[in-house]
Amino acid sequence: MGRRRETLAVREVDGRVLDPFATPMTITRQDVLHIARLARLRLEDHEVEGFIGELDRILEYIGLLRELDTTEIPAMSHVVVAESPLRDDTVAPALDRDAVLAEAPRRVGEGFAVPAFVDEG
């Protein structure tokens, strides 16, 4: 646990001292608005109030998990199943390029033309 404490260090955010191992914190309206800004989300007032409650419940659940004794549980490097449930790769004929591109609303040369999807403004 000592090493985790170094990684999850106490820090100050918006004038509040945050210690991940301290008593559970309460989510504020400013917390939700900050998270929404980071996620580039616009939230209506009623949505902000809803997220306050939802995030509070998540933190309460995390608090319950912290109370569990995990000393006998081995550490995991990842939570993904080691065996892949995917099918075997098989060679199959490719689709005809002209037939596929004929279905495209717009094309550029030998490929699809797509609109830009990242708005930097």
Protein backbone atom coordinates (compact mmCIF):
# COMPACT_ATOMS: atom_id res chain seq x y z
CA MET A 1 0.00 0.00 0.00
CA GLY A 2 2.96 2.33 0.53
CA ARG A 3 3.75 2.41 -3.16
CA ARG A 4 0.13 3.17 -4.10
CA ARG A 5 0.16 6.10 -1.70
CA GLU A 6 3.12 7.59 -3.60
CA THR A 7 1.28 7.27 -6.92
CA LEU A 8 -2.01 8.65 -5.60
CA ALA A 9 -0.45 11.59 -3.82
CA VAL A 10 -2.26 14.25 -1.84
CA ARG A 11 -2.75 17.30 -4.05
CA GLU A 12 -4.64 20.56 -4.14
CA VAL A 13 -7.38 21.17 -6.71
CA ASP A 14 -9.45 24.36 -6.79
CA GLY A 15 -8.31 25.25 -3.28
CA ARG A 16 -9.31 21.85 -1.83
CA VAL A 17 -6.83 19.30 -0.56
CA LEU A 18 -7.56 15.91 -2.11
CA ASP A 19 -6.26 12.78 -0.39
CA PRO A 20 -7.44 9.63 -2.18
CA PHE A 21 -7.15 7.65 1.06
CA ALA A 22 -8.98 10.13 3.27
CA THR A 23 -12.65 10.06 4.15
CA PRO A 24 -14.96 10.07 1.12
CA MET A 25 -15.42 13.43 -0.53
CA THR A 26 -18.68 14.90 -1.71
CA ILE A 27 -19.07 15.88 -5.34
CA THR A 28 -19.93 19.53 -5.86
CA ARG A 29 -21.51 21.37 -8.74
CA GLN A 30 -18.06 22.80 -9.56
CA ASP A 31 -16.61 19.25 -9.71
CA VAL A 32 -19.24 18.18 -12.24
CA LEU A 33 -18.74 21.31 -14.33
CA HIS A 34 -14.96 20.79 -14.26
CA ILE A 35 -15.30 17.15 -15.37
CA ALA A 36 -17.78 18.18 -18.08
CA ARG A 37 -15.35 20.81 -19.35
CA LEU A 38 -12.51 18.27 -19.46
CA ALA A 39 -14.78 15.89 -21.39
CA ARG A 40 -15.95 18.77 -23.61
CA LEU A 41 -19.57 18.25 -22.60
CA ARG A 42 -22.26 20.88 -22.31
CA LEU A 43 -24.65 20.02 -19.52
CA GLU A 44 -28.03 21.49 -18.68
CA ASP A 45 -28.66 22.46 -15.04
CA HIS A 46 -30.83 19.39 -14.40
CA GLU A 47 -28.08 17.16 -15.84
CA VAL A 48 -25.48 18.69 -13.52
CA GLU A 49 -27.70 17.95 -10.51
CA GLY A 50 -28.20 14.38 -11.73
CA PHE A 51 -24.47 13.80 -12.14
CA ILE A 52 -23.79 15.12 -8.64
CA GLY A 53 -25.95 12.32 -7.24
CA GLU A 54 -24.57 9.66 -9.57
CA LEU A 55 -20.94 10.52 -8.88
CA ASP A 56 -21.62 10.66 -5.12
CA ARG A 57 -23.02 7.11 -5.29
CA ILE A 58 -19.95 5.94 -7.22
CA LEU A 59 -17.66 7.43 -4.57
CA GLU A 60 -19.73 5.79 -1.82
CA TYR A 61 -19.28 2.44 -3.55
CA ILE A 62 -15.54 3.01 -3.86
CA GLY A 63 -15.53 3.73 -0.12
CA LEU A 64 -17.16 0.35 0.49
CA LEU A 65 -14.55 -1.35 -1.71
CA ARG A 66 -11.75 0.30 0.27
CA GLU A 67 -13.04 -1.43 3.39
CA LEU A 68 -12.45 -4.87 1.88
CA ASP A 69 -9.43 -6.85 3.04
CA THR A 70 -7.46 -7.54 -0.13
CA THR A 71 -4.19 -8.59 1.49
CA GLU A 72 -4.60 -12.21 0.33
CA ILE A 73 -5.55 -11.27 -3.25
CA PRO A 74 -2.60 -11.30 -5.69
CA ALA A 75 -1.96 -8.15 -7.69
CA MET A 76 -3.04 -8.18 -11.33
CA SER A 77 -1.20 -6.56 -14.20
CA HIS A 78 -4.45 -6.24 -16.15
CA VAL A 79 -8.06 -7.34 -15.99
CA VAL A 80 -8.28 -8.72 -19.51
CA VAL A 81 -8.78 -12.45 -19.94
CA ALA A 82 -5.51 -14.08 -21.04
CA GLU A 83 -7.25 -16.31 -23.58
CA SER A 84 -8.84 -14.53 -26.53
CA PRO A 85 -12.37 -15.72 -27.36
CA LEU A 86 -11.96 -14.59 -30.97
CA ARG A 87 -12.23 -16.95 -33.89
CA ASP A 88 -9.18 -18.09 -35.85
CA ASP A 89 -8.05 -15.87 -38.70
CA THR A 90 -8.90 -17.28 -42.10
CA VAL A 91 -7.99 -16.03 -45.53
CA ALA A 92 -11.04 -14.84 -47.46
CA PRO A 93 -11.43 -13.01 -50.74
CA ALA A 94 -11.48 -9.21 -50.44
CA LEU A 95 -14.48 -7.17 -51.50
CA ASP A 96 -14.35 -5.61 -54.95
CA ARG A 97 -13.02 -2.05 -54.51
CA ASP A 98 -15.17 -0.52 -57.26
CA ALA A 99 -18.32 -2.18 -55.91
CA VAL A 100 -17.64 -0.93 -52.40
CA LEU A 101 -16.74 2.59 -53.50
CA ALA A 102 -19.87 2.71 -55.68
CA GLU A 103 -21.88 2.68 -52.41
CA ALA A 104 -19.94 5.63 -50.92
CA PRO A 105 -21.67 9.01 -50.85
CA ARG A 106 -18.33 10.64 -51.74
CA ARG A 107 -15.00 9.25 -52.80
CA VAL A 108 -11.53 10.61 -53.38
CA GLY A 109 -9.45 8.59 -55.79
CA GLU A 110 -9.30 5.03 -54.48
CA GLY A 111 -10.86 5.77 -51.05
CA PHE A 112 -13.79 7.20 -49.13
CA ALA A 113 -14.13 10.96 -48.55
CA VAL A 114 -15.19 11.64 -44.97
CA PRO A 115 -15.91 14.90 -43.15
CA ALA A 116 -13.50 16.18 -40.51
CA PHE A 117 -14.67 15.11 -37.07
CA VAL A 118 -12.33 16.99 -34.74
CA ASP A 119 -13.35 20.55 -33.98
CA GLU A 120 -10.44 22.46 -32.48
CA GLY A 121 -12.50 25.65 -32.02
